[in-house]
C-alpha atoms as a PDB file:
ATOM      1  CA  MET A   1      69.226  63.544 -60.288  1.00  0.00           C
ATOM      2  CA  LYS A   2      65.214  64.685 -60.130  1.00  0.00           C
ATOM      3  CA  VAL A   3      63.555  62.298 -58.392  1.00  0.00           C
ATOM      4  CA  MET A   4      59.775  62.356 -57.760  1.00  0.00           C
ATOM      5  CA  PHE A   5      57.694  60.242 -55.636  1.00  0.00           C
ATOM      6  CA  ILE A   6      53.759  59.881 -55.957  1.00  0.00           C
ATOM      7  CA  ARG A   7      51.011  58.208 -54.486  1.00  0.00           C
ATOM      8  CA  PRO A   8      48.441  57.929 -56.930  1.00  0.00           C
ATOM      9  CA  PRO A   9      44.426  58.541 -56.304  1.00  0.00           C
ATOM     10  CA  GLU A  10      42.319  56.022 -55.081  1.00  0.00           C
ATOM     11  CA  THR A  11      39.343  53.812 -55.465  1.00  0.00           C
ATOM     12  CA  PHE A  12      37.250  53.734 -52.481  1.00  0.00           C
ATOM     13  CA  ILE A  13      33.774  52.175 -52.223  1.00  0.00           C
ATOM     14  CA  LYS A  14      33.458  54.022 -48.614  1.00  0.00           C
ATOM     15  CA  ASP A  15      35.773  55.310 -45.881  1.00  0.00           C
ATOM     16  CA  PRO A  16      38.694  55.919 -47.236  1.00  0.00           C
ATOM     17  CA  ARG A  17      41.729  55.343 -45.330  1.00  0.00           C
ATOM     18  CA  VAL A  18      44.936  57.998 -45.461  1.00  0.00           C
ATOM     19  CA  GLY A  19      48.341  57.693 -43.643  1.00  0.00           C
ATOM     20  CA  ILE A  20      51.734  59.240 -43.914  1.00  0.00           C
ATOM     21  CA  PRO A  21      53.893  57.203 -46.873  1.00  0.00           C
ATOM     22  CA  VAL A  22      55.939  55.432 -44.457  1.00  0.00           C
ATOM     23  CA  GLY A  23      57.711  53.587 -46.997  1.00  0.00           C
ATOM     24  CA  THR A  24      58.238  55.946 -49.567  1.00  0.00           C
ATOM     25  CA  LEU A  25      59.583  58.743 -47.189  1.00  0.00           C
ATOM     26  CA  SER A  26      62.434  55.867 -46.136  1.00  0.00           C
ATOM     27  CA  VAL A  27      62.908  55.618 -49.559  1.00  0.00           C
ATOM     28  CA  ALA A  28      63.142  59.081 -50.214  1.00  0.00           C
ATOM     29  CA  ALA A  29      64.836  59.513 -46.752  1.00  0.00           C
ATOM     30  CA  VAL A  30      68.224  57.187 -48.787  1.00  0.00           C
ATOM     31  CA  LEU A  31      68.153  58.964 -52.053  1.00  0.00           C
ATOM     32  CA  GLU A  32      68.605  62.278 -50.697  1.00  0.00           C
ATOM     33  CA  LYS A  33      71.032  60.991 -48.309  1.00  0.00           C
ATOM     34  CA  SER A  34      73.000  59.972 -51.302  1.00  0.00           C
ATOM     35  CA  GLY A  35      72.931  63.375 -52.975  1.00  0.00           C
ATOM     36  CA  HIS A  36      69.386  63.303 -54.984  1.00  0.00           C
ATOM     37  CA  GLU A  37      67.179  66.164 -55.453  1.00  0.00           C
ATOM     38  CA  ILE A  38      63.701  64.734 -54.165  1.00  0.00           C
ATOM     39  CA  LYS A  39      59.871  65.305 -54.163  1.00  0.00           C
ATOM     40  CA  VAL A  40      57.048  63.798 -52.863  1.00  0.00           C
ATOM     41  CA  PHE A  41      53.476  64.396 -54.266  1.00  0.00           C
ATOM     42  CA  ASP A  42      51.104  62.363 -52.281  1.00  0.00           C
ATOM     43  CA  SER A  43      47.783  62.451 -54.259  1.00  0.00           C
ATOM     44  CA  LEU A  44      45.237  61.551 -51.646  1.00  0.00           C
ATOM     45  CA  LEU A  45      46.190  64.784 -49.549  1.00  0.00           C
ATOM     46  CA  TYR A  46      43.424  66.337 -52.328  1.00  0.00           C
ATOM     47  CA  ARG A  47      40.211  66.582 -52.467  1.00  0.00           C
ATOM     48  CA  ASP A  48      39.614  67.543 -56.555  1.00  0.00           C
ATOM     49  CA  LYS A  49      36.365  67.051 -58.156  1.00  0.00           C
ATOM     50  CA  VAL A  50      36.520  64.235 -60.831  1.00  0.00           C
ATOM     51  CA  ASP A  51      33.411  62.333 -62.803  1.00  0.00           C
ATOM     52  CA  ASN A  52      34.380  59.130 -60.972  1.00  0.00           C
ATOM     53  CA  PRO A  53      32.195  59.104 -57.374  1.00  0.00           C
ATOM     54  CA  LEU A  54      35.174  56.580 -56.317  1.00  0.00           C
ATOM     55  CA  HIS A  55      38.244  58.486 -57.175  1.00  0.00           C
ATOM     56  CA  PHE A  56      39.751  59.563 -53.940  1.00  0.00           C
ATOM     57  CA  GLY A  57      42.441  62.487 -53.979  1.00  0.00           C
ATOM     58  CA  ALA A  58      43.984  64.845 -56.480  1.00  0.00           C
ATOM     59  CA  SER A  59      42.677  64.634 -59.726  1.00  0.00           C
ATOM     60  CA  TRP A  60      44.890  63.509 -62.821  1.00  0.00           C
ATOM     61  CA  GLN A  61      45.067  66.840 -64.583  1.00  0.00           C
ATOM     62  CA  ARG A  62      46.789  68.483 -60.934  1.00  0.00           C
ATOM     63  CA  ILE A  63      49.394  64.872 -61.025  1.00  0.00           C
ATOM     64  CA  GLU A  64      50.011  66.110 -64.423  1.00  0.00           C
ATOM     65  CA  ASP A  65      50.806  70.045 -63.789  1.00  0.00           C
ATOM     66  CA  GLU A  66      53.233  68.743 -60.970  1.00  0.00           C
ATOM     67  CA  ILE A  67      55.100  67.147 -63.382  1.00  0.00           C
ATOM     68  CA  ARG A  68      55.202  69.193 -65.585  1.00  0.00           C
ATOM     69  CA  GLY A  69      56.174  71.339 -62.703  1.00  0.00           C
ATOM     70  CA  PHE A  70      59.035  69.835 -61.248  1.00  0.00           C
ATOM     71  CA  SER A  71      60.329  68.283 -64.258  1.00  0.00           C
ATOM     72  CA  PRO A  72      61.767  64.522 -62.885  1.00  0.00           C
ATOM     73  CA  ASP A  73      64.271  62.465 -64.002  1.00  0.00           C
ATOM     74  CA  VAL A  74      62.830  59.791 -61.987  1.00  0.00           C
ATOM     75  CA  ILE A  75      59.275  59.315 -61.305  1.00  0.00           C
ATOM     76  CA  GLY A  76      59.022  56.864 -58.445  1.00  0.00           C
ATOM     77  CA  ILE A  77      55.075  55.848 -58.511  1.00  0.00           C
ATOM     78  CA  VAL A  78      53.957  54.871 -54.800  1.00  0.00           C
ATOM     79  CA  GLY A  79      51.642  51.575 -54.648  1.00  0.00           C
ATOM     80  CA  MET A  80      51.487  49.064 -51.997  1.00  0.00           C
ATOM     81  CA  PHE A  81      48.333  46.756 -52.840  1.00  0.00           C
ATOM     82  CA  SER A  82      46.466  45.070 -55.844  1.00  0.00           C
ATOM     83  CA  THR A  83      43.101  46.791 -55.543  1.00  0.00           C
ATOM     84  CA  GLN A  84      44.566  50.195 -56.189  1.00  0.00           C
ATOM     85  CA  ALA A  85      46.821  48.622 -59.348  1.00  0.00           C
ATOM     86  CA  PRO A  86      44.953  50.459 -61.948  1.00  0.00           C
ATOM     87  CA  ASN A  87      45.243  53.365 -60.886  1.00  0.00           C
ATOM     88  CA  ALA A  88      49.198  52.993 -60.472  1.00  0.00           C
ATOM     89  CA  LEU A  89      49.252  51.994 -64.520  1.00  0.00           C
ATOM     90  CA  THR A  90      46.899  54.857 -65.378  1.00  0.00           C
ATOM     91  CA  LEU A  91      49.949  57.314 -63.850  1.00  0.00           C
ATOM     92  CA  ILE A  92      52.074  55.373 -65.902  1.00  0.00           C
ATOM     93  CA  ASN A  93      50.515  56.771 -69.106  1.00  0.00           C
ATOM     94  CA  ILE A  94      50.403  60.737 -67.159  1.00  0.00           C
ATOM     95  CA  ALA A  95      54.180  60.465 -66.756  1.00  0.00           C
ATOM     96  CA  LYS A  96      54.746  59.688 -70.061  1.00  0.00           C
ATOM     97  CA  LYS A  97      52.400  61.866 -71.209  1.00  0.00           C
ATOM     98  CA  VAL A  98      54.276  64.565 -69.993  1.00  0.00           C
ATOM     99  CA  ASP A  99      58.284  63.418 -70.898  1.00  0.00           C
ATOM    100  CA  ILE A 100      58.249  60.370 -72.646  1.00  0.00           C
ATOM    101  CA  ASN A 101      61.735  60.824 -71.159  1.00  0.00           C
ATOM    102  CA  ILE A 102      61.296  60.308 -68.081  1.00  0.00           C
ATOM    103  CA  LYS A 103      62.077  56.669 -65.936  1.00  0.00           C
ATOM    104  CA  LEU A 104      59.511  55.260 -63.858  1.00  0.00           C
ATOM    105  CA  ILE A 105      60.039  52.779 -60.957  1.00  0.00           C
ATOM    106  CA  THR A 106      57.505  51.577 -58.445  1.00  0.00           C
ATOM    107  CA  GLY A 107      57.908  48.779 -55.672  1.00  0.00           C
ATOM    108  CA  GLY A 108      56.007  47.045 -53.208  1.00  0.00           C
ATOM    109  CA  SER A 109      53.987  43.842 -52.503  1.00  0.00           C
ATOM    110  CA  HIS A 110      51.980  43.657 -55.404  1.00  0.00           C
ATOM    111  CA  ALA A 111      54.924  45.143 -57.970  1.00  0.00           C
ATOM    112  CA  THR A 112      57.116  42.244 -56.302  1.00  0.00           C
ATOM    113  CA  VAL A 113      55.205  39.370 -57.199  1.00  0.00           C
ATOM    114  CA  ARG A 114      53.956  40.559 -60.202  1.00  0.00           C
ATOM    115  CA  PRO A 115      56.657  42.876 -61.729  1.00  0.00           C
ATOM    116  CA  THR A 116      55.641  42.047 -65.918  1.00  0.00           C
ATOM    117  CA  GLU A 117      52.153  43.603 -65.206  1.00  0.00           C
ATOM    118  CA  PHE A 118      54.050  46.445 -64.785  1.00  0.00           C
ATOM    119  CA  LEU A 119      57.144  46.129 -67.405  1.00  0.00           C
ATOM    120  CA  ASP A 120      54.708  45.720 -69.972  1.00  0.00           C
ATOM    121  CA  ALA A 121      52.549  48.994 -68.743  1.00  0.00           C
ATOM    122  CA  GLY A 122      55.841  51.033 -68.989  1.00  0.00           C
ATOM    123  CA  ILE A 123      57.563  51.055 -66.191  1.00  0.00           C
ATOM    124  CA  ASP A 124      61.658  50.782 -66.633  1.00  0.00           C
ATOM    125  CA  MET A 125      62.351  49.025 -63.496  1.00  0.00           C
ATOM    126  CA  VAL A 126      60.272  47.545 -60.754  1.00  0.00           C
ATOM    127  CA  ILE A 127      61.617  47.319 -56.959  1.00  0.00           C
ATOM    128  CA  VAL A 128      61.612  44.114 -55.527  1.00  0.00           C
ATOM    129  CA  GLY A 129      61.468  43.227 -52.181  1.00  0.00           C
ATOM    130  CA  GLU A 130      63.307  46.114 -49.857  1.00  0.00           C
ATOM    131  CA  GLY A 131      63.056  49.510 -51.834  1.00  0.00           C
ATOM    132  CA  GLU A 132      65.907  51.460 -50.070  1.00  0.00           C
ATOM    133  CA  TYR A 133      69.060  50.502 -51.508  1.00  0.00           C
ATOM    134  CA  ALA A 134      67.892  48.750 -54.454  1.00  0.00           C
ATOM    135  CA  ALA A 135      66.240  52.312 -55.606  1.00  0.00           C
ATOM    136  CA  VAL A 136      69.850  53.893 -54.566  1.00  0.00           C
ATOM    137  CA  ASP A 137      71.138  51.385 -57.573  1.00  0.00           C
ATOM    138  CA  ILE A 138      68.749  51.985 -60.023  1.00  0.00           C
ATOM    139  CA  ILE A 139      68.888  55.969 -59.956  1.00  0.00           C
ATOM    140  CA  GLU A 140      72.657  55.360 -60.295  1.00  0.00           C
ATOM    141  CA  TYR A 141      72.171  53.107 -63.156  1.00  0.00           C
ATOM    142  CA  PHE A 142      69.692  55.925 -64.655  1.00  0.00           C
ATOM    143  CA  SER A 143      72.311  58.535 -64.397  1.00  0.00           C
ATOM    144  CA  GLY A 144      75.699  56.250 -66.037  1.00  0.00           C
ATOM    145  CA  THR A 145      77.017  55.796 -62.451  1.00  0.00           C
ATOM    146  CA  ARG A 146      76.518  52.120 -62.437  1.00  0.00           C
ATOM    147  CA  GLU A 147      76.281  49.107 -64.790  1.00  0.00           C
ATOM    148  CA  LEU A 148      73.161  47.467 -65.116  1.00  0.00           C
ATOM    149  CA  LYS A 149      74.721  44.256 -64.018  1.00  0.00           C
ATOM    150  CA  ASP A 150      75.798  45.813 -60.885  1.00  0.00           C
ATOM    151  CA  VAL A 151      72.420  46.597 -59.754  1.00  0.00           C
ATOM    152  CA  GLN A 152      70.760  44.635 -57.278  1.00  0.00           C
ATOM    153  CA  GLY A 153      66.713  44.298 -56.084  1.00  0.00           C
ATOM    154  CA  ALA A 154      65.091  45.062 -59.815  1.00  0.00           C
ATOM    155  CA  ALA A 155      62.795  43.409 -62.380  1.00  0.00           C
ATOM    156  CA  TYR A 156      63.357  44.782 -65.444  1.00  0.00           C
ATOM    157  CA  TYR A 157      63.814  43.629 -70.178  1.00  0.00           C
ATOM    158  CA  GLU A 158      67.285  42.469 -70.979  1.00  0.00           C
ATOM    159  CA  ASN A 159      67.019  41.755 -74.648  1.00  0.00           C
ATOM    160  CA  GLY A 160      63.054  41.335 -74.488  1.00  0.00           C
ATOM    161  CA  ARG A 161      63.487  39.132 -71.472  1.00  0.00           C
ATOM    162  CA  LEU A 162      62.788  38.972 -68.082  1.00  0.00           C
ATOM    163  CA  LYS A 163      65.533  39.628 -65.472  1.00  0.00           C
ATOM    164  CA  VAL A 164      64.722  39.406 -61.689  1.00  0.00           C
ATOM    165  CA  THR A 165      67.629  40.434 -59.490  1.00  0.00           C
ATOM    166  CA  ARG A 166      67.452  40.295 -55.350  1.00  0.00           C
ATOM    167  CA  ARG A 167      69.430  41.637 -53.211  1.00  0.00           C
ATOM    168  CA  GLU A 168      70.376  40.347 -49.490  1.00  0.00           C
ATOM    169  CA  PHE A 169      68.187  41.777 -47.120  1.00  0.00           C
ATOM    170  CA  ILE A 170      69.056  44.640 -44.435  1.00  0.00           C
ATOM    171  CA  LYS A 171      70.654  43.621 -41.817  1.00  0.00           C
ATOM    172  CA  ASN A 172      71.374  46.664 -39.756  1.00  0.00           C
ATOM    173  CA  LEU A 173      68.253  48.499 -39.576  1.00  0.00           C
ATOM    174  CA  ASP A 174      69.755  50.840 -37.645  1.00  0.00           C
ATOM    175  CA  GLU A 175      71.967  52.289 -40.285  1.00  0.00           C
ATOM    176  CA  LEU A 176      68.774  53.207 -42.170  1.00  0.00           C
ATOM    177  CA  PRO A 177      67.651  57.494 -41.726  1.00  0.00           C
ATOM    178  CA  ILE A 178      64.774  58.075 -39.819  1.00  0.00           C
ATOM    179  CA  PRO A 179      61.915  58.614 -42.677  1.00  0.00           C
ATOM    180  CA  ALA A 180      61.981  62.260 -44.364  1.00  0.00           C
ATOM    181  CA  TYR A 181      59.525  63.549 -42.937  1.00  0.00           C
ATOM    182  CA  HIS A 182      59.892  67.365 -43.709  1.00  0.00           C
ATOM    183  CA  LEU A 183      59.343  66.118 -47.391  1.00  0.00           C
ATOM    184  CA  VAL A 184      55.469  66.312 -46.777  1.00  0.00           C
ATOM    185  CA  ASP A 185      53.149  68.823 -45.005  1.00  0.00           C
ATOM    186  CA  MET A 186      52.837  66.749 -41.919  1.00  0.00           C
ATOM    187  CA  GLU A 187      49.761  69.089 -40.813  1.00  0.00           C
ATOM    188  CA  GLN A 188      47.440  68.080 -43.898  1.00  0.00           C
ATOM    189  CA  TYR A 189      47.899  64.432 -42.533  1.00  0.00           C
ATOM    190  CA  PHE A 190      46.724  65.475 -39.138  1.00  0.00           C
ATOM    191  CA  GLN A 191      44.216  67.569 -40.486  1.00  0.00           C
ATOM    192  CA  LEU A 192      43.138  64.293 -42.093  1.00  0.00           C
ATOM    193  CA  VAL A 193      42.304  62.934 -38.710  1.00  0.00           C
ATOM    194  CA  LYS A 194      40.086  65.629 -37.737  1.00  0.00           C
ATOM    195  CA  ASP A 195      38.396  65.182 -40.995  1.00  0.00           C
ATOM    196  CA  GLY A 196      37.356  61.182 -40.330  1.00  0.00           C
ATOM    197  CA  TYR A 197      40.425  60.105 -42.752  1.00  0.00           C
ATOM    198  CA  SER A 198      42.294  58.284 -39.795  1.00  0.00           C
ATOM    199  CA  SER A 199      44.566  55.398 -41.788  1.00  0.00           C
ATOM    200  CA  ARG A 200      43.331  52.951 -39.030  1.00  0.00           C
ATOM    201  CA  PRO A 201      39.880  52.170 -38.121  1.00  0.00           C
ATOM    202  CA  LEU A 202      39.576  53.902 -34.486  1.00  0.00           C
ATOM    203  CA  ASP A 203      37.758  52.337 -31.698  1.00  0.00           C
ATOM    204  CA  VAL A 204      34.182  54.964 -31.555  1.00  0.00           C
ATOM    205  CA  PHE A 205      35.861  56.417 -28.245  1.00  0.00           C
ATOM    206  CA  HIS A 206      38.856  57.818 -30.427  1.00  0.00           C
ATOM    207  CA  ARG A 207      39.004  61.758 -30.637  1.00  0.00           C
ATOM    208  CA  PRO A 208      41.208  63.250 -33.498  1.00  0.00           C
ATOM    209  CA  MET A 209      44.983  62.664 -32.772  1.00  0.00           C
ATOM    210  CA  ARG A 210      48.400  63.831 -34.359  1.00  0.00           C
ATOM    211  CA  GLU A 211      48.753  60.156 -35.575  1.00  0.00           C
ATOM    212  CA  ILE A 212      51.569  58.272 -37.471  1.00  0.00           C
ATOM    213  CA  THR A 213      52.242  54.751 -38.915  1.00  0.00           C
ATOM    214  CA  MET A 214      55.943  53.634 -37.983  1.00  0.00           C
ATOM    215  CA  ILE A 215      57.716  50.235 -38.611  1.00  0.00           C
ATOM    216  CA  THR A 216      60.525  49.230 -36.078  1.00  0.00           C
ATOM    217  CA  SER A 217      60.906  45.817 -37.861  1.00  0.00           C
ATOM    218  CA  ARG A 218      60.465  43.330 -40.496  1.00  0.00           C
ATOM    219  CA  GLY A 219      60.477  40.083 -41.106  1.00  0.00           C
ATOM    220  CA  CYS A 220      58.670  37.230 -39.738  1.00  0.00           C
ATOM    221  CA  PRO A 221      60.329  33.711 -39.372  1.00  0.00           C
ATOM    222  CA  PHE A 222      56.674  32.172 -39.443  1.00  0.00           C
ATOM    223  CA  GLU A 223      54.610  30.609 -42.220  1.00  0.00           C
ATOM    224  CA  CYS A 224      50.551  31.851 -42.128  1.00  0.00           C
ATOM    225  CA  THR A 225      49.066  31.453 -45.525  1.00  0.00           C
ATOM    226  CA  PHE A 226      47.331  34.490 -46.289  1.00  0.00           C
ATOM    227  CA  CYS A 227      50.404  36.731 -45.419  1.00  0.00           C
ATOM    228  CA  SER A 228      52.247  38.640 -48.276  1.00  0.00           C
ATOM    229  CA  ILE A 229      55.115  39.614 -46.417  1.00  0.00           C
ATOM    230  CA  HIS A 230      57.375  37.388 -47.493  1.00  0.00           C
ATOM    231  CA  PRO A 231      58.721  38.072 -51.068  1.00  0.00           C
ATOM    232  CA  THR A 232      59.340  41.806 -49.529  1.00  0.00           C
ATOM    233  CA  MET A 233      60.588  41.413 -46.380  1.00  0.00           C
ATOM    234  CA  GLY A 234      61.593  38.316 -46.003  1.00  0.00           C
ATOM    235  CA  TYR A 235      61.476  35.152 -43.558  1.00  0.00           C
ATOM    236  CA  PRO A 236      64.181  36.695 -40.961  1.00  0.00           C
ATOM    237  CA  PHE A 237      63.607  38.674 -38.311  1.00  0.00           C
ATOM    238  CA  ARG A 238      65.072  42.078 -38.448  1.00  0.00           C
ATOM    239  CA  ALA A 239      64.655  45.050 -36.112  1.00  0.00           C
ATOM    240  CA  HIS A 240      65.385  48.211 -34.964  1.00  0.00           C
ATOM    241  CA  SER A 241      67.254  48.667 -31.795  1.00  0.00           C
ATOM    242  CA  PRO A 242      65.250  50.010 -28.691  1.00  0.00           C
ATOM    243  CA  GLU A 243      67.862  53.051 -28.976  1.00  0.00           C
ATOM    244  CA  TYR A 244      66.727  53.604 -32.334  1.00  0.00           C
ATOM    245  CA  VAL A 245      63.484  53.182 -32.084  1.00  0.00           C
ATOM    246  CA  VAL A 246      63.244  55.598 -29.036  1.00  0.00           C
ATOM    247  CA  ASN A 247      65.146  58.163 -31.025  1.00  0.00           C
ATOM    248  CA  HIS A 248      62.686  57.830 -33.607  1.00  0.00           C
ATOM    249  CA  ILE A 249      59.479  58.597 -31.607  1.00  0.00           C
ATOM    250  CA  GLN A 250      61.516  61.186 -29.449  1.00  0.00           C
ATOM    251  CA  HIS A 251      61.896  63.015 -32.918  1.00  0.00           C
ATOM    252  CA  VAL A 252      58.492  62.506 -34.036  1.00  0.00           C
ATOM    253  CA  VAL A 253      57.549  64.057 -30.788  1.00  0.00           C
ATOM    254  CA  GLU A 254      59.573  66.923 -30.611  1.00  0.00           C
ATOM    255  CA  HIS A 255      59.358  67.854 -34.034  1.00  0.00           C
ATOM    256  CA  TYR A 256      55.447  67.483 -34.954  1.00  0.00           C
ATOM    257  CA  GLY A 257      53.504  67.083 -31.773  1.00  0.00           C
ATOM    258  CA  ILE A 258      52.556  63.459 -32.447  1.00  0.00           C
ATOM    259  CA  GLU A 259      50.137  61.808 -30.279  1.00  0.00           C
ATOM    260  CA  LEU A 260      49.828  58.323 -31.211  1.00  0.00           C
ATOM    261  CA  ILE A 261      51.974  56.095 -32.962  1.00  0.00           C
ATOM    262  CA  HIS A 262      50.620  53.024 -35.010  1.00  0.00           C
ATOM    263  CA  PHE A 263      53.207  49.718 -34.697  1.00  0.00           C
ATOM    264  CA  GLU A 264      52.528  48.399 -38.066  1.00  0.00           C
ATOM    265  CA  ASP A 265      55.290  45.724 -37.405  1.00  0.00           C
ATOM    266  CA  ASP A 266      54.037  42.307 -38.084  1.00  0.00           C
ATOM    267  CA  ASN A 267      56.059  40.876 -35.379  1.00  0.00           C
ATOM    268  CA  LEU A 268      56.297  43.998 -32.730  1.00  0.00           C
ATOM    269  CA  THR A 269      56.755  41.712 -29.801  1.00  0.00           C
ATOM    270  CA  LEU A 270      58.518  38.800 -31.319  1.00  0.00           C
ATOM    271  CA  ASP A 271      61.403  39.433 -29.192  1.00  0.00           C
ATOM    272  CA  PRO A 272      59.807  40.599 -26.021  1.00  0.00           C
ATOM    273  CA  ASN A 273      63.328  41.696 -24.284  1.00  0.00           C
ATOM    274  CA  ARG A 274      63.735  44.156 -26.752  1.00  0.00           C
ATOM    275  CA  PHE A 275      60.032  45.867 -26.701  1.00  0.00           C
ATOM    276  CA  GLU A 276      60.256  45.728 -23.169  1.00  0.00           C
ATOM    277  CA  LYS A 277      63.667  48.213 -23.484  1.00  0.00           C
ATOM    278  CA  ILE A 278      62.199  50.362 -25.603  1.00  0.00           C
ATOM    279  CA  LEU A 279      58.575  50.762 -23.065  1.00  0.00           C
ATOM    280  CA  ASP A 280      61.245  50.899 -19.887  1.00  0.00           C
ATOM    281  CA  MET A 281      63.503  53.298 -22.322  1.00  0.00           C
ATOM    282  CA  LEU A 282      60.317  55.699 -23.410  1.00  0.00           C
ATOM    283  CA  LYS A 283      59.395  55.790 -19.345  1.00  0.00           C
ATOM    284  CA  GLU A 284      63.065  56.680 -18.716  1.00  0.00           C
ATOM    285  CA  ARG A 285      63.496  59.563 -20.896  1.00  0.00           C
ATOM    286  CA  ASN A 286      59.863  60.742 -19.788  1.00  0.00           C
ATOM    287  CA  ILE A 287      58.319  60.236 -23.686  1.00  0.00           C
ATOM    288  CA  HIS A 288      54.013  60.456 -23.652  1.00  0.00           C
ATOM    289  CA  VAL A 289      53.279  58.812 -26.489  1.00  0.00           C
ATOM    290  CA  GLU A 290      50.074  56.843 -26.757  1.00  0.00           C
ATOM    291  CA  TRP A 291      50.193  53.538 -29.301  1.00  0.00           C
ATOM    292  CA  ASP A 292      48.479  50.705 -30.809  1.00  0.00           C
ATOM    293  CA  THR A 293      49.599  47.419 -32.912  1.00  0.00           C
ATOM    294  CA  PRO A 294      46.445  47.500 -36.079  1.00  0.00           C
ATOM    295  CA  ASN A 295      48.450  44.935 -37.424  1.00  0.00           C
ATOM    296  CA  GLY A 296      48.222  42.532 -34.256  1.00  0.00           C
ATOM    297  CA  THR A 297      50.401  40.969 -31.705  1.00  0.00           C
ATOM    298  CA  ARG A 298      51.233  37.288 -31.312  1.00  0.00           C
ATOM    299  CA  ALA A 299      49.670  35.572 -28.357  1.00  0.00           C
ATOM    300  CA  ASP A 300      52.201  33.251 -27.126  1.00  0.00           C
ATOM    301  CA  THR A 301      54.891  36.585 -26.906  1.00  0.00           C
ATOM    302  CA  LEU A 302      53.060  38.144 -24.485  1.00  0.00           C
ATOM    303  CA  SER A 303      53.408  37.460 -20.749  1.00  0.00           C
ATOM    304  CA  ARG A 304      51.846  38.989 -18.108  1.00  0.00           C
ATOM    305  CA  GLU A 305      54.498  41.419 -17.097  1.00  0.00           C
ATOM    306  CA  LEU A 306      55.090  42.526 -20.516  1.00  0.00           C
ATOM    307  CA  LEU A 307      51.062  43.503 -21.137  1.00  0.00           C
ATOM    308  CA  GLY A 308      51.442  45.134 -17.446  1.00  0.00           C
ATOM    309  CA  LYS A 309      54.485  47.061 -18.541  1.00  0.00           C
ATOM    310  CA  MET A 310      52.180  48.018 -21.986  1.00  0.00           C
ATOM    311  CA  LYS A 311      49.265  49.186 -19.762  1.00  0.00           C
ATOM    312  CA  LYS A 312      51.511  51.869 -17.361  1.00  0.00           C
ATOM    313  CA  MET A 313      52.908  53.411 -20.686  1.00  0.00           C
ATOM    314  CA  HIS A 314      50.329  53.911 -22.980  1.00  0.00           C
ATOM    315  CA  VAL A 315      48.634  51.438 -25.156  1.00  0.00           C
ATOM    316  CA  ARG A 316      45.175  52.303 -26.550  1.00  0.00           C
ATOM    317  CA  GLU A 317      44.887  49.170 -27.963  1.00  0.00           C
ATOM    318  CA  LEU A 318      46.289  46.185 -28.248  1.00  0.00           C
ATOM    319  CA  ARG A 319      45.137  43.363 -31.125  1.00  0.00           C
ATOM    320  CA  ILE A 320      45.651  39.672 -30.560  1.00  0.00           C
ATOM    321  CA  ALA A 321      46.051  38.073 -33.655  1.00  0.00           C
ATOM    322  CA  ILE A 322      44.724  35.047 -33.035  1.00  0.00           C
ATOM    323  CA  GLU A 323      43.172  34.421 -36.754  1.00  0.00           C
ATOM    324  CA  SER A 324      40.688  31.333 -35.934  1.00  0.00           C
ATOM    325  CA  ALA A 325      39.242  29.951 -32.711  1.00  0.00           C
ATOM    326  CA  ASP A 326      39.559  26.028 -34.482  1.00  0.00           C
ATOM    327  CA  GLN A 327      42.213  24.318 -34.086  1.00  0.00           C
ATOM    328  CA  GLN A 328      42.274  22.342 -37.254  1.00  0.00           C
ATOM    329  CA  ILE A 329      41.891  25.683 -39.823  1.00  0.00           C
ATOM    330  CA  LEU A 330      45.146  27.368 -37.414  1.00  0.00           C
ATOM    331  CA  ASN A 331      47.113  23.544 -37.645  1.00  0.00           C
ATOM    332  CA  THR A 332      46.417  22.568 -41.746  1.00  0.00           C
ATOM    333  CA  VAL A 333      44.990  26.138 -43.130  1.00  0.00           C
ATOM    334  CA  ILE A 334      46.174  29.004 -41.897  1.00  0.00           C
ATOM    335  CA  ARG A 335      48.942  27.221 -40.925  1.00  0.00           C
ATOM    336  CA  LYS A 336      49.753  28.908 -38.067  1.00  0.00           C
ATOM    337  CA  ASP A 337      51.781  27.531 -35.218  1.00  0.00           C
ATOM    338  CA  LEU A 338      49.104  28.867 -32.245  1.00  0.00           C
ATOM    339  CA  ASP A 339      47.518  26.868 -29.372  1.00  0.00           C
END
């Protein structure tokens, strides 16, 4: 089938942040491997002039034209954050205006916990939790090669009633292909950094770099009250092997000249031995790439020895997720098990 992923334009009051849609590229890679024709359209790569001064990205007219040009069977609406949900809902109307028969899917944290918000607006199916294999099930159902009862990891209406099916979290992440970077123009993202639209807030000494986001692990065994990761990625910590991670890094360095990696893991150093092995392998292969940890690391996973290796292996910025200096707040409000 022809599947088109669209990241809608976003609404920013100030300081837009644009990064590679790494989750989308991971789902796209699995669908492409399954034989489907994939197109990724990222609205945030455009600076179209519209009436709304807070609108950032392609105009709705450009998006409509892109849909007509590709004529997809299925559109996957990319959306992570609740603040941008209204733009995702607007895209539903645009897609249905082009062709009422186009099937629409979406996923991510917001859609996982509030699927009816999207189903009531015209989405055919919502991916619940991890997207890679759930997307395969859904596309196969749309193509007529899978029964509805066999679709796992989705929310939909059946005979007017909400039905939600869960699927097991992927145990062996190494079976996933490397994200489909070839489906987007990487140079456009690098230019965005030069233009001041980096995906992450940067330190004052930062120079424009060829940078990407990378996620090497999923899940978190802790129960911090503020975190939204559990509905989509679960509690068990699952991680790519050091070999997979270093092969991935080597791939993006050699093919795209990557100079800086933002490790967006929720628990990059939860397994210190694993991360130490990654650093050792980078040194063995003489791969020079700077990196940082925007989501933060847990203080109780760090040792002096590991910190020393991090420094030698080009860490640019290490954020430590302390959350609060008040033990009562940590214990009773945040419920983060730290001293």
